[in-house]
Amino acid sequence: MGKFLARLRYLPAALLVLAAGVVRADTLAMPQPGDASAAAAGVPAKGQSMRTVERRFGAPSEKYPAVGGDSPRHPPITRWDYPGFSVFFEHSHVVTAVVPGQPPQIFNSDQLEQ
């Protein structure tokens, strides 16, 4: 019985070695903040005014009326569509620009679950 118990203490290490050969993981490369600036992507940058966006990109193909704005917690959000991207404004400043088919920029990657 003593020999059996002596061998048993090596079991966790042996299982760990076996498991290490079986475990496989894929790596997903996530874009980091600042990797692709808004200017490089050809879309308006966060914080730009409606006037600046219209001056740089011209008149949008579609302007949607503001939604929200009924309280300070729900500011008015306006959407402008351009060929290839949409711009969302809070009051009169860009909140984000979205290119269909592209993932959004990640700002808090340190908070992602591993």
PDB file of N, CA and C in Angstrom:
ATOM      1  N   MET A   1       0.824  -1.180   0.000  1.00  0.00           N
ATOM      2  CA  MET A   1       0.000   0.000   0.000  1.00  0.00           C
ATOM      3  C   MET A   1       0.871   1.248   0.000  1.00  0.00           C
ATOM      4  N   GLY A   2       2.003   1.226   0.667  1.00  0.00           N
ATOM      5  CA  GLY A   2       2.909   2.358   0.739  1.00  0.00           C
ATOM      6  C   GLY A   2       3.465   2.736  -0.622  1.00  0.00           C
ATOM      7  N   LYS A   3       3.778   1.713  -1.472  1.00  0.00           N
ATOM      8  CA  LYS A   3       4.287   1.982  -2.814  1.00  0.00           C
ATOM      9  C   LYS A   3       3.209   2.644  -3.674  1.00  0.00           C
ATOM     10  N   PHE A   4       1.996   2.180  -3.492  1.00  0.00           N
ATOM     11  CA  PHE A   4       0.883   2.728  -4.263  1.00  0.00           C
ATOM     12  C   PHE A   4       0.689   4.210  -3.951  1.00  0.00           C
ATOM     13  N   LEU A   5       0.711   4.559  -2.666  1.00  0.00           N
ATOM     14  CA  LEU A   5       0.548   5.952  -2.278  1.00  0.00           C
ATOM     15  C   LEU A   5       1.712   6.809  -2.763  1.00  0.00           C
ATOM     16  N   ALA A   6       2.912   6.241  -2.774  1.00  0.00           N
ATOM     17  CA  ALA A   6       4.075   6.975  -3.263  1.00  0.00           C
ATOM     18  C   ALA A   6       3.919   7.292  -4.747  1.00  0.00           C
ATOM     19  N   ARG A   7       3.387   6.368  -5.528  1.00  0.00           N
ATOM     20  CA  ARG A   7       3.178   6.598  -6.959  1.00  0.00           C
ATOM     21  C   ARG A   7       2.012   7.566  -7.196  1.00  0.00           C
ATOM     22  N   LEU A   8       1.042   7.520  -6.317  1.00  0.00           N
ATOM     23  CA  LEU A   8      -0.142   8.352  -6.467  1.00  0.00           C
ATOM     24  C   LEU A   8       0.188   9.844  -6.386  1.00  0.00           C
ATOM     25  N   ARG A   9       1.232  10.209  -5.674  1.00  0.00           N
ATOM     26  CA  ARG A   9       1.564  11.622  -5.543  1.00  0.00           C
ATOM     27  C   ARG A   9       2.075  12.215  -6.863  1.00  0.00           C
ATOM     28  N   TYR A  10       2.502  11.375  -7.804  1.00  0.00           N
ATOM     29  CA  TYR A  10       2.968  11.854  -9.107  1.00  0.00           C
ATOM     30  C   TYR A  10       1.825  11.976 -10.113  1.00  0.00           C
ATOM     31  N   LEU A  11       0.645  11.499  -9.759  1.00  0.00           N
ATOM     32  CA  LEU A  11      -0.487  11.500 -10.675  1.00  0.00           C
ATOM     33  C   LEU A  11      -0.870  12.906 -11.154  1.00  0.00           C
ATOM     34  N   PRO A  12      -0.992  13.909 -10.294  1.00  0.00           N
ATOM     35  CA  PRO A  12      -1.353  15.254 -10.801  1.00  0.00           C
ATOM     36  C   PRO A  12      -0.353  15.788 -11.817  1.00  0.00           C
ATOM     37  N   ALA A  13       0.930  15.571 -11.588  1.00  0.00           N
ATOM     38  CA  ALA A  13       1.947  16.039 -12.531  1.00  0.00           C
ATOM     39  C   ALA A  13       1.839  15.300 -13.858  1.00  0.00           C
ATOM     40  N   ALA A  14       1.585  14.004 -13.810  1.00  0.00           N
ATOM     41  CA  ALA A  14       1.444  13.220 -15.035  1.00  0.00           C
ATOM     42  C   ALA A  14       0.215  13.667 -15.826  1.00  0.00           C
ATOM     43  N   LEU A  15      -0.890  13.929 -15.140  1.00  0.00           N
ATOM     44  CA  LEU A  15      -2.102  14.397 -15.818  1.00  0.00           C
ATOM     45  C   LEU A  15      -1.892  15.767 -16.449  1.00  0.00           C
ATOM     46  N   LEU A  16      -1.153  16.614 -15.779  1.00  0.00           N
ATOM     47  CA  LEU A  16      -0.855  17.941 -16.303  1.00  0.00           C
ATOM     48  C   LEU A  16      -0.035  17.843 -17.589  1.00  0.00           C
ATOM     49  N   VAL A  17       0.941  16.977 -17.615  1.00  0.00           N
ATOM     50  CA  VAL A  17       1.766  16.786 -18.807  1.00  0.00           C
ATOM     51  C   VAL A  17       0.918  16.268 -19.953  1.00  0.00           C
ATOM     52  N   LEU A  18       0.029  15.321 -19.678  1.00  0.00           N
ATOM     53  CA  LEU A  18      -0.854  14.785 -20.720  1.00  0.00           C
ATOM     54  C   LEU A  18      -1.810  15.857 -21.232  1.00  0.00           C
ATOM     55  N   ALA A  19      -2.368  16.639 -20.335  1.00  0.00           N
ATOM     56  CA  ALA A  19      -3.317  17.682 -20.726  1.00  0.00           C
ATOM     57  C   ALA A  19      -2.640  18.763 -21.558  1.00  0.00           C
ATOM     58  N   ALA A  20      -1.399  19.056 -21.271  1.00  0.00           N
ATOM     59  CA  ALA A  20      -0.678  20.087 -22.011  1.00  0.00           C
ATOM     60  C   ALA A  20      -0.532  19.714 -23.472  1.00  0.00           C
ATOM     61  N   GLY A  21      -0.445  18.456 -23.759  1.00  0.00           N
ATOM     62  CA  GLY A  21      -0.341  18.008 -25.145  1.00  0.00           C
ATOM     63  C   GLY A  21      -1.662  18.059 -25.880  1.00  0.00           C
ATOM     64  N   VAL A  22      -2.782  18.090 -25.161  1.00  0.00           N
ATOM     65  CA  VAL A  22      -4.105  18.066 -25.764  1.00  0.00           C
ATOM     66  C   VAL A  22      -4.689  19.461 -25.926  1.00  0.00           C
ATOM     67  N   VAL A  23      -4.335  20.371 -25.047  1.00  0.00           N
ATOM     68  CA  VAL A  23      -4.909  21.715 -25.059  1.00  0.00           C
ATOM     69  C   VAL A  23      -4.421  22.472 -26.286  1.00  0.00           C
ATOM     70  N   ARG A  24      -5.349  23.121 -26.963  1.00  0.00           N
ATOM     71  CA  ARG A  24      -5.022  23.906 -28.150  1.00  0.00           C
ATOM     72  C   ARG A  24      -5.869  25.167 -28.112  1.00  0.00           C
ATOM     73  N   ALA A  25      -5.295  26.285 -28.519  1.00  0.00           N
ATOM     74  CA  ALA A  25      -6.042  27.545 -28.518  1.00  0.00           C
ATOM     75  C   ALA A  25      -5.687  28.348 -29.757  1.00  0.00           C
ATOM     76  N   ASP A  26      -6.669  29.094 -30.245  1.00  0.00           N
ATOM     77  CA  ASP A  26      -6.433  30.011 -31.351  1.00  0.00           C
ATOM     78  C   ASP A  26      -6.177  31.398 -30.778  1.00  0.00           C
ATOM     79  N   THR A  27      -5.393  32.174 -31.486  1.00  0.00           N
ATOM     80  CA  THR A  27      -5.123  33.533 -31.069  1.00  0.00           C
ATOM     81  C   THR A  27      -5.900  34.475 -31.968  1.00  0.00           C
ATOM     82  N   LEU A  28      -6.634  35.377 -31.362  1.00  0.00           N
ATOM     83  CA  LEU A  28      -7.401  36.364 -32.099  1.00  0.00           C
ATOM     84  C   LEU A  28      -6.717  37.710 -31.943  1.00  0.00           C
ATOM     85  N   ALA A  29      -6.253  38.265 -33.030  1.00  0.00           N
ATOM     86  CA  ALA A  29      -5.584  39.570 -32.984  1.00  0.00           C
ATOM     87  C   ALA A  29      -6.644  40.659 -32.986  1.00  0.00           C
ATOM     88  N   MET A  30      -6.647  41.457 -31.924  1.00  0.00           N
ATOM     89  CA  MET A  30      -7.617  42.538 -31.786  1.00  0.00           C
ATOM     90  C   MET A  30      -6.935  43.859 -32.113  1.00  0.00           C
ATOM     91  N   PRO A  31      -7.602  44.727 -32.875  1.00  0.00           N
ATOM     92  CA  PRO A  31      -6.995  46.026 -33.139  1.00  0.00           C
ATOM     93  C   PRO A  31      -6.907  46.828 -31.850  1.00  0.00           C
ATOM     94  N   GLN A  32      -5.815  47.503 -31.665  1.00  0.00           N
ATOM     95  CA  GLN A  32      -5.599  48.299 -30.461  1.00  0.00           C
ATOM     96  C   GLN A  32      -5.996  49.738 -30.730  1.00  0.00           C
ATOM     97  N   PRO A  33      -6.406  50.461 -29.690  1.00  0.00           N
ATOM     98  CA  PRO A  33      -6.728  51.873 -29.886  1.00  0.00           C
ATOM     99  C   PRO A  33      -5.548  52.597 -30.514  1.00  0.00           C
ATOM    100  N   GLY A  34      -5.838  53.373 -31.520  1.00  0.00           N
ATOM    101  CA  GLY A  34      -4.786  54.124 -32.188  1.00  0.00           C
ATOM    102  C   GLY A  34      -4.152  53.381 -33.346  1.00  0.00           C
ATOM    103  N   ASP A  35      -4.473  52.077 -33.541  1.00  0.00           N
ATOM    104  CA  ASP A  35      -3.908  51.335 -34.669  1.00  0.00           C
ATOM    105  C   ASP A  35      -4.354  51.936 -35.997  1.00  0.00           C
ATOM    106  N   ALA A  36      -5.624  52.246 -36.090  1.00  0.00           N
ATOM    107  CA  ALA A  36      -6.156  52.841 -37.306  1.00  0.00           C
ATOM    108  C   ALA A  36      -6.915  54.095 -36.906  1.00  0.00           C
ATOM    109  N   SER A  37      -6.360  55.233 -37.201  1.00  0.00           N
ATOM    110  CA  SER A  37      -7.043  56.474 -36.834  1.00  0.00           C
ATOM    111  C   SER A  37      -8.231  56.684 -37.743  1.00  0.00           C
ATOM    112  N   ALA A  38      -9.136  57.538 -37.328  1.00  0.00           N
ATOM    113  CA  ALA A  38     -10.318  57.820 -38.131  1.00  0.00           C
ATOM    114  C   ALA A  38      -9.919  58.399 -39.480  1.00  0.00           C
ATOM    115  N   ALA A  39      -8.880  59.236 -39.484  1.00  0.00           N
ATOM    116  CA  ALA A  39      -8.444  59.831 -40.747  1.00  0.00           C
ATOM    117  C   ALA A  39      -7.944  58.762 -41.707  1.00  0.00           C
ATOM    118  N   ALA A  40      -7.193  57.780 -41.191  1.00  0.00           N
ATOM    119  CA  ALA A  40      -6.674  56.709 -42.042  1.00  0.00           C
ATOM    120  C   ALA A  40      -7.815  55.852 -42.575  1.00  0.00           C
ATOM    121  N   ALA A  41      -8.867  55.699 -41.795  1.00  0.00           N
ATOM    122  CA  ALA A  41     -10.004  54.891 -42.227  1.00  0.00           C
ATOM    123  C   ALA A  41     -10.907  55.666 -43.169  1.00  0.00           C
ATOM    124  N   GLY A  42     -10.705  56.992 -43.306  1.00  0.00           N
ATOM    125  CA  GLY A  42     -11.518  57.786 -44.209  1.00  0.00           C
ATOM    126  C   GLY A  42     -12.893  58.110 -43.667  1.00  0.00           C
ATOM    127  N   VAL A  43     -13.026  58.178 -42.355  1.00  0.00           N
ATOM    128  CA  VAL A  43     -14.294  58.526 -41.719  1.00  0.00           C
ATOM    129  C   VAL A  43     -14.044  59.658 -40.730  1.00  0.00           C
ATOM    130  N   PRO A  44     -15.096  60.396 -40.352  1.00  0.00           N
ATOM    131  CA  PRO A  44     -14.915  61.487 -39.389  1.00  0.00           C
ATOM    132  C   PRO A  44     -14.414  60.986 -38.039  1.00  0.00           C
ATOM    133  N   ALA A  45     -13.638  61.807 -37.376  1.00  0.00           N
ATOM    134  CA  ALA A  45     -13.085  61.472 -36.067  1.00  0.00           C
ATOM    135  C   ALA A  45     -14.059  61.869 -34.968  1.00  0.00           C
ATOM    136  N   LYS A  46     -13.986  61.153 -33.867  1.00  0.00           N
ATOM    137  CA  LYS A  46     -14.814  61.442 -32.698  1.00  0.00           C
ATOM    138  C   LYS A  46     -14.565  62.882 -32.250  1.00  0.00           C
ATOM    139  N   GLY A  47     -15.662  63.614 -31.974  1.00  0.00           N
ATOM    140  CA  GLY A  47     -15.548  64.975 -31.484  1.00  0.00           C
ATOM    141  C   GLY A  47     -15.669  66.046 -32.550  1.00  0.00           C
ATOM    142  N   GLN A  48     -15.574  65.677 -33.837  1.00  0.00           N
ATOM    143  CA  GLN A  48     -15.707  66.680 -34.890  1.00  0.00           C
ATOM    144  C   GLN A  48     -17.138  67.208 -34.928  1.00  0.00           C
ATOM    145  N   SER A  49     -17.274  68.459 -35.330  1.00  0.00           N
ATOM    146  CA  SER A  49     -18.606  69.066 -35.404  1.00  0.00           C
ATOM    147  C   SER A  49     -19.296  68.672 -36.710  1.00  0.00           C
ATOM    148  N   MET A  50     -20.604  68.860 -36.731  1.00  0.00           N
ATOM    149  CA  MET A  50     -21.378  68.586 -37.952  1.00  0.00           C
ATOM    150  C   MET A  50     -20.863  69.447 -39.101  1.00  0.00           C
ATOM    151  N   ARG A  51     -20.544  70.696 -38.785  1.00  0.00           N
ATOM    152  CA  ARG A  51     -20.053  71.612 -39.815  1.00  0.00           C
ATOM    153  C   ARG A  51     -18.749  71.092 -40.416  1.00  0.00           C
ATOM    154  N   THR A  52     -17.829  70.621 -39.566  1.00  0.00           N
ATOM    155  CA  THR A  52     -16.541  70.096 -40.036  1.00  0.00           C
ATOM    156  C   THR A  52     -16.745  68.856 -40.899  1.00  0.00           C
ATOM    157  N   VAL A  53     -17.643  67.971 -40.464  1.00  0.00           N
ATOM    158  CA  VAL A  53     -17.904  66.748 -41.225  1.00  0.00           C
ATOM    159  C   VAL A  53     -18.473  67.088 -42.592  1.00  0.00           C
ATOM    160  N   GLU A  54     -19.438  67.992 -42.620  1.00  0.00           N
ATOM    161  CA  GLU A  54     -20.057  68.345 -43.901  1.00  0.00           C
ATOM    162  C   GLU A  54     -19.075  69.070 -44.813  1.00  0.00           C
ATOM    163  N   ARG A  55     -18.200  69.892 -44.233  1.00  0.00           N
ATOM    164  CA  ARG A  55     -17.186  70.582 -45.032  1.00  0.00           C
ATOM    165  C   ARG A  55     -16.207  69.586 -45.645  1.00  0.00           C
ATOM    166  N   ARG A  56     -15.815  68.566 -44.871  1.00  0.00           N
ATOM    167  CA  ARG A  56     -14.804  67.608 -45.354  1.00  0.00           C
ATOM    168  C   ARG A  56     -15.391  66.541 -46.277  1.00  0.00           C
ATOM    169  N   PHE A  57     -16.576  66.029 -45.949  1.00  0.00           N
ATOM    170  CA  PHE A  57     -17.139  64.901 -46.694  1.00  0.00           C
ATOM    171  C   PHE A  57     -18.299  65.285 -47.609  1.00  0.00           C
ATOM    172  N   GLY A  58     -18.717  66.544 -47.549  1.00  0.00           N
ATOM    173  CA  GLY A  58     -19.834  66.984 -48.382  1.00  0.00           C
ATOM    174  C   GLY A  58     -21.161  66.657 -47.706  1.00  0.00           C
ATOM    175  N   ALA A  59     -22.220  66.933 -48.427  1.00  0.00           N
ATOM    176  CA  ALA A  59     -23.559  66.667 -47.891  1.00  0.00           C
ATOM    177  C   ALA A  59     -23.782  65.158 -47.824  1.00  0.00           C
ATOM    178  N   PRO A  60     -24.372  64.677 -46.742  1.00  0.00           N
ATOM    179  CA  PRO A  60     -24.642  63.238 -46.650  1.00  0.00           C
ATOM    180  C   PRO A  60     -25.741  62.831 -47.622  1.00  0.00           C
ATOM    181  N   SER A  61     -25.747  61.563 -47.992  1.00  0.00           N
ATOM    182  CA  SER A  61     -26.797  61.074 -48.882  1.00  0.00           C
ATOM    183  C   SER A  61     -28.132  60.974 -48.156  1.00  0.00           C
ATOM    184  N   GLU A  62     -28.097  60.858 -46.839  1.00  0.00           N
ATOM    185  CA  GLU A  62     -29.316  60.782 -46.027  1.00  0.00           C
ATOM    186  C   GLU A  62     -29.036  61.373 -44.655  1.00  0.00           C
ATOM    187  N   LYS A  63     -29.943  62.237 -44.193  1.00  0.00           N
ATOM    188  CA  LYS A  63     -29.884  62.785 -42.835  1.00  0.00           C
ATOM    189  C   LYS A  63     -31.146  62.316 -42.114  1.00  0.00           C
ATOM    190  N   TYR A  64     -30.957  61.675 -40.967  1.00  0.00           N
ATOM    191  CA  TYR A  64     -32.096  61.211 -40.181  1.00  0.00           C
ATOM    192  C   TYR A  64     -32.369  62.204 -39.060  1.00  0.00           C
ATOM    193  N   PRO A  65     -33.629  62.382 -38.691  1.00  0.00           N
ATOM    194  CA  PRO A  65     -33.931  63.298 -37.586  1.00  0.00           C
ATOM    195  C   PRO A  65     -33.375  62.760 -36.269  1.00  0.00           C
ATOM    196  N   ALA A  66     -33.100  63.669 -35.344  1.00  0.00           N
ATOM    197  CA  ALA A  66     -32.559  63.292 -34.035  1.00  0.00           C
ATOM    198  C   ALA A  66     -33.572  62.455 -33.266  1.00  0.00           C
ATOM    199  N   VAL A  67     -33.054  61.480 -32.527  1.00  0.00           N
ATOM    200  CA  VAL A  67     -33.890  60.681 -31.619  1.00  0.00           C
ATOM    201  C   VAL A  67     -33.367  60.919 -30.209  1.00  0.00           C
ATOM    202  N   GLY A  68     -34.237  60.753 -29.248  1.00  0.00           N
ATOM    203  CA  GLY A  68     -33.847  61.013 -27.867  1.00  0.00           C
ATOM    204  C   GLY A  68     -33.949  62.491 -27.576  1.00  0.00           C
ATOM    205  N   GLY A  69     -33.137  62.961 -26.654  1.00  0.00           N
ATOM    206  CA  GLY A  69     -33.130  64.365 -26.302  1.00  0.00           C
ATOM    207  C   GLY A  69     -34.192  64.751 -25.297  1.00  0.00           C
ATOM    208  N   ASP A  70     -34.881  63.740 -24.746  1.00  0.00           N
ATOM    209  CA  ASP A  70     -35.955  64.036 -23.805  1.00  0.00           C
ATOM    210  C   ASP A  70     -35.449  64.305 -22.390  1.00  0.00           C
ATOM    211  N   SER A  71     -34.164  64.019 -22.143  1.00  0.00           N
ATOM    212  CA  SER A  71     -33.583  64.286 -20.827  1.00  0.00           C
ATOM    213  C   SER A  71     -32.063  64.326 -20.963  1.00  0.00           C
ATOM    214  N   PRO A  72     -31.364  64.865 -19.962  1.00  0.00           N
ATOM    215  CA  PRO A  72     -29.898  64.885 -20.025  1.00  0.00           C
ATOM    216  C   PRO A  72     -29.292  63.483 -20.131  1.00  0.00           C
ATOM    217  N   ARG A  73     -29.987  62.481 -19.613  1.00  0.00           N
ATOM    218  CA  ARG A  73     -29.477  61.107 -19.696  1.00  0.00           C
ATOM    219  C   ARG A  73     -29.684  60.508 -21.080  1.00  0.00           C
ATOM    220  N   HIS A  74     -30.540  61.128 -21.880  1.00  0.00           N
ATOM    221  CA  HIS A  74     -30.833  60.655 -23.241  1.00  0.00           C
ATOM    222  C   HIS A  74     -30.648  61.815 -24.216  1.00  0.00           C
ATOM    223  N   PRO A  75     -29.401  62.150 -24.541  1.00  0.00           N
ATOM    224  CA  PRO A  75     -29.155  63.291 -25.431  1.00  0.00           C
ATOM    225  C   PRO A  75     -29.646  62.981 -26.851  1.00  0.00           C
ATOM    226  N   PRO A  76     -29.873  64.017 -27.653  1.00  0.00           N
ATOM    227  CA  PRO A  76     -30.299  63.775 -29.030  1.00  0.00           C
ATOM    228  C   PRO A  76     -29.176  63.128 -29.841  1.00  0.00           C
ATOM    229  N   ILE A  77     -29.521  62.077 -30.553  1.00  0.00           N
ATOM    230  CA  ILE A  77     -28.569  61.360 -31.418  1.00  0.00           C
ATOM    231  C   ILE A  77     -29.057  61.491 -32.859  1.00  0.00           C
ATOM    232  N   THR A  78     -28.176  61.955 -33.732  1.00  0.00           N
ATOM    233  CA  THR A  78     -28.490  62.149 -35.136  1.00  0.00           C
ATOM    234  C   THR A  78     -27.596  61.246 -35.975  1.00  0.00           C
ATOM    235  N   ARG A  79     -28.137  60.727 -37.062  1.00  0.00           N
ATOM    236  CA  ARG A  79     -27.363  59.852 -37.950  1.00  0.00           C
ATOM    237  C   ARG A  79     -27.334  60.451 -39.348  1.00  0.00           C
ATOM    238  N   TRP A  80     -26.134  60.477 -39.919  1.00  0.00           N
ATOM    239  CA  TRP A  80     -25.952  60.870 -41.306  1.00  0.00           C
ATOM    240  C   TRP A  80     -25.346  59.681 -42.036  1.00  0.00           C
ATOM    241  N   ASP A  81     -25.889  59.372 -43.203  1.00  0.00           N
ATOM    242  CA  ASP A  81     -25.343  58.288 -44.037  1.00  0.00           C
ATOM    243  C   ASP A  81     -24.586  58.860 -45.219  1.00  0.00           C
ATOM    244  N   TYR A  82     -23.397  58.325 -45.414  1.00  0.00           N
ATOM    245  CA  TYR A  82     -22.564  58.621 -46.577  1.00  0.00           C
ATOM    246  C   TYR A  82     -22.347  57.298 -47.311  1.00  0.00           C
ATOM    247  N   PRO A  83     -21.958  57.347 -48.573  1.00  0.00           N
ATOM    248  CA  PRO A  83     -21.632  56.088 -49.255  1.00  0.00           C
ATOM    249  C   PRO A  83     -20.455  55.405 -48.546  1.00  0.00           C
ATOM    250  N   GLY A  84     -20.682  54.248 -47.966  1.00  0.00           N
ATOM    251  CA  GLY A  84     -19.614  53.494 -47.320  1.00  0.00           C
ATOM    252  C   GLY A  84     -19.530  53.623 -45.813  1.00  0.00           C
ATOM    253  N   PHE A  85     -20.209  54.608 -45.209  1.00  0.00           N
ATOM    254  CA  PHE A  85     -20.162  54.729 -43.750  1.00  0.00           C
ATOM    255  C   PHE A  85     -21.324  55.581 -43.246  1.00  0.00           C
ATOM    256  N   SER A  86     -21.592  55.460 -41.950  1.00  0.00           N
ATOM    257  CA  SER A  86     -22.600  56.274 -41.260  1.00  0.00           C
ATOM    258  C   SER A  86     -21.922  56.998 -40.108  1.00  0.00           C
ATOM    259  N   VAL A  87     -22.386  58.207 -39.828  1.00  0.00           N
ATOM    260  CA  VAL A  87     -21.828  59.013 -38.743  1.00  0.00           C
ATOM    261  C   VAL A  87     -22.936  59.269 -37.727  1.00  0.00           C
ATOM    262  N   PHE A  88     -22.626  59.088 -36.446  1.00  0.00           N
ATOM    263  CA  PHE A  88     -23.583  59.326 -35.371  1.00  0.00           C
ATOM    264  C   PHE A  88     -23.099  60.508 -34.541  1.00  0.00           C
ATOM    265  N   PHE A  89     -24.016  61.457 -34.314  1.00  0.00           N
ATOM    266  CA  PHE A  89     -23.707  62.670 -33.570  1.00  0.00           C
ATOM    267  C   PHE A  89     -24.502  62.699 -32.273  1.00  0.00           C
ATOM    268  N   GLU A  90     -23.879  63.183 -31.205  1.00  0.00           N
ATOM    269  CA  GLU A  90     -24.586  63.516 -29.976  1.00  0.00           C
ATOM    270  C   GLU A  90     -24.594  65.035 -29.938  1.00  0.00           C
ATOM    271  N   HIS A  91     -25.780  65.614 -29.898  1.00  0.00           N
ATOM    272  CA  HIS A  91     -25.957  67.051 -30.111  1.00  0.00           C
ATOM    273  C   HIS A  91     -25.380  67.365 -31.487  1.00  0.00           C
ATOM    274  N   SER A  92     -24.257  68.023 -31.579  1.00  0.00           N
ATOM    275  CA  SER A  92     -23.718  68.366 -32.896  1.00  0.00           C
ATOM    276  C   SER A  92     -22.283  67.874 -33.089  1.00  0.00           C
ATOM    277  N   HIS A  93     -21.866  66.873 -32.287  1.00  0.00           N
ATOM    278  CA  HIS A  93     -20.493  66.360 -32.395  1.00  0.00           C
ATOM    279  C   HIS A  93     -20.481  64.855 -32.619  1.00  0.00           C
ATOM    280  N   VAL A  94     -19.506  64.409 -33.392  1.00  0.00           N
ATOM    281  CA  VAL A  94     -19.385  62.991 -33.733  1.00  0.00           C
ATOM    282  C   VAL A  94     -19.159  62.151 -32.484  1.00  0.00           C
ATOM    283  N   VAL A  95     -19.968  61.105 -32.347  1.00  0.00           N
ATOM    284  CA  VAL A  95     -19.777  60.108 -31.296  1.00  0.00           C
ATOM    285  C   VAL A  95     -19.001  58.945 -31.880  1.00  0.00           C
ATOM    286  N   THR A  96     -19.407  58.519 -33.067  1.00  0.00           N
ATOM    287  CA  THR A  96     -18.721  57.421 -33.749  1.00  0.00           C
ATOM    288  C   THR A  96     -19.080  57.434 -35.223  1.00  0.00           C
ATOM    289  N   ALA A  97     -18.234  56.798 -36.006  1.00  0.00           N
ATOM    290  CA  ALA A  97     -18.504  56.570 -37.425  1.00  0.00           C
ATOM    291  C   ALA A  97     -18.412  55.066 -37.645  1.00  0.00           C
ATOM    292  N   VAL A  98     -19.365  54.531 -38.385  1.00  0.00           N
ATOM    293  CA  VAL A  98     -19.455  53.089 -38.560  1.00  0.00           C
ATOM    294  C   VAL A  98     -19.318  52.742 -40.037  1.00  0.00           C
ATOM    295  N   VAL A  99     -18.421  51.806 -40.337  1.00  0.00           N
ATOM    296  CA  VAL A  99     -18.266  51.277 -41.686  1.00  0.00           C
ATOM    297  C   VAL A  99     -18.869  49.884 -41.680  1.00  0.00           C
ATOM    298  N   PRO A 100     -19.956  49.664 -42.429  1.00  0.00           N
ATOM    299  CA  PRO A 100     -20.580  48.331 -42.430  1.00  0.00           C
ATOM    300  C   PRO A 100     -19.571  47.247 -42.812  1.00  0.00           C
ATOM    301  N   GLY A 101     -19.608  46.160 -42.074  1.00  0.00           N
ATOM    302  CA  GLY A 101     -18.714  45.031 -42.346  1.00  0.00           C
ATOM    303  C   GLY A 101     -17.378  45.111 -41.644  1.00  0.00           C
ATOM    304  N   GLN A 102     -17.094  46.208 -40.944  1.00  0.00           N
ATOM    305  CA  GLN A 102     -15.840  46.321 -40.198  1.00  0.00           C
ATOM    306  C   GLN A 102     -16.147  46.313 -38.711  1.00  0.00           C
ATOM    307  N   PRO A 103     -15.323  45.632 -37.912  1.00  0.00           N
ATOM    308  CA  PRO A 103     -15.561  45.641 -36.461  1.00  0.00           C
ATOM    309  C   PRO A 103     -15.287  47.016 -35.886  1.00  0.00           C
ATOM    310  N   PRO A 104     -16.010  47.388 -34.845  1.00  0.00           N
ATOM    311  CA  PRO A 104     -15.752  48.678 -34.221  1.00  0.00           C
ATOM    312  C   PRO A 104     -14.414  48.691 -33.496  1.00  0.00           C
ATOM    313  N   GLN A 105     -13.869  49.878 -33.307  1.00  0.00           N
ATOM    314  CA  GLN A 105     -12.609  50.020 -32.579  1.00  0.00           C
ATOM    315  C   GLN A 105     -12.823  49.652 -31.114  1.00  0.00           C
ATOM    316  N   ILE A 106     -11.861  48.967 -30.533  1.00  0.00           N
ATOM    317  CA  ILE A 106     -11.937  48.562 -29.135  1.00  0.00           C
ATOM    318  C   ILE A 106     -11.183  49.580 -28.301  1.00  0.00           C
ATOM    319  N   PHE A 107     -11.873  50.148 -27.303  1.00  0.00           N
ATOM    320  CA  PHE A 107     -11.253  51.180 -26.476  1.00  0.00           C
ATOM    321  C   PHE A 107     -10.767  50.637 -25.144  1.00  0.00           C
ATOM    322  N   ASN A 108     -11.416  49.623 -24.589  1.00  0.00           N
ATOM    323  CA  ASN A 108     -11.067  49.102 -23.269  1.00  0.00           C
ATOM    324  C   ASN A 108     -10.681  47.626 -23.356  1.00  0.00           C
ATOM    325  N   SER A 109      -9.697  47.318 -24.179  1.00  0.00           N
ATOM    326  CA  SER A 109      -9.318  45.923 -24.392  1.00  0.00           C
ATOM    327  C   SER A 109      -8.787  45.290 -23.104  1.00  0.00           C
ATOM    328  N   ASP A 110      -8.298  46.103 -22.169  1.00  0.00           N
ATOM    329  CA  ASP A 110      -7.805  45.547 -20.911  1.00  0.00           C
ATOM    330  C   ASP A 110      -8.941  44.976 -20.066  1.00  0.00           C
ATOM    331  N   GLN A 111     -10.180  45.321 -20.388  1.00  0.00           N
ATOM    332  CA  GLN A 111     -11.327  44.841 -19.625  1.00  0.00           C
ATOM    333  C   GLN A 111     -11.979  43.607 -20.259  1.00  0.00           C
ATOM    334  N   LEU A 112     -11.468  43.147 -21.395  1.00  0.00           N
ATOM    335  CA  LEU A 112     -12.009  41.961 -22.032  1.00  0.00           C
ATOM    336  C   LEU A 112     -11.682  40.726 -21.204  1.00  0.00           C
ATOM    337  N   GLU A 113     -12.608  39.788 -21.190  1.00  0.00           N
ATOM    338  CA  GLU A 113     -12.349  38.540 -20.456  1.00  0.00           C
ATOM    339  C   GLU A 113     -11.394  37.678 -21.260  1.00  0.00           C
ATOM    340  N   GLN A 114     -10.515  37.043 -20.572  1.00  0.00           N
ATOM    341  CA  GLN A 114      -9.530  36.177 -21.224  1.00  0.00           C
ATOM    342  C   GLN A 114     -10.082  34.804 -21.436  1.00  0.00           C
TER     343      GLN A 114
END
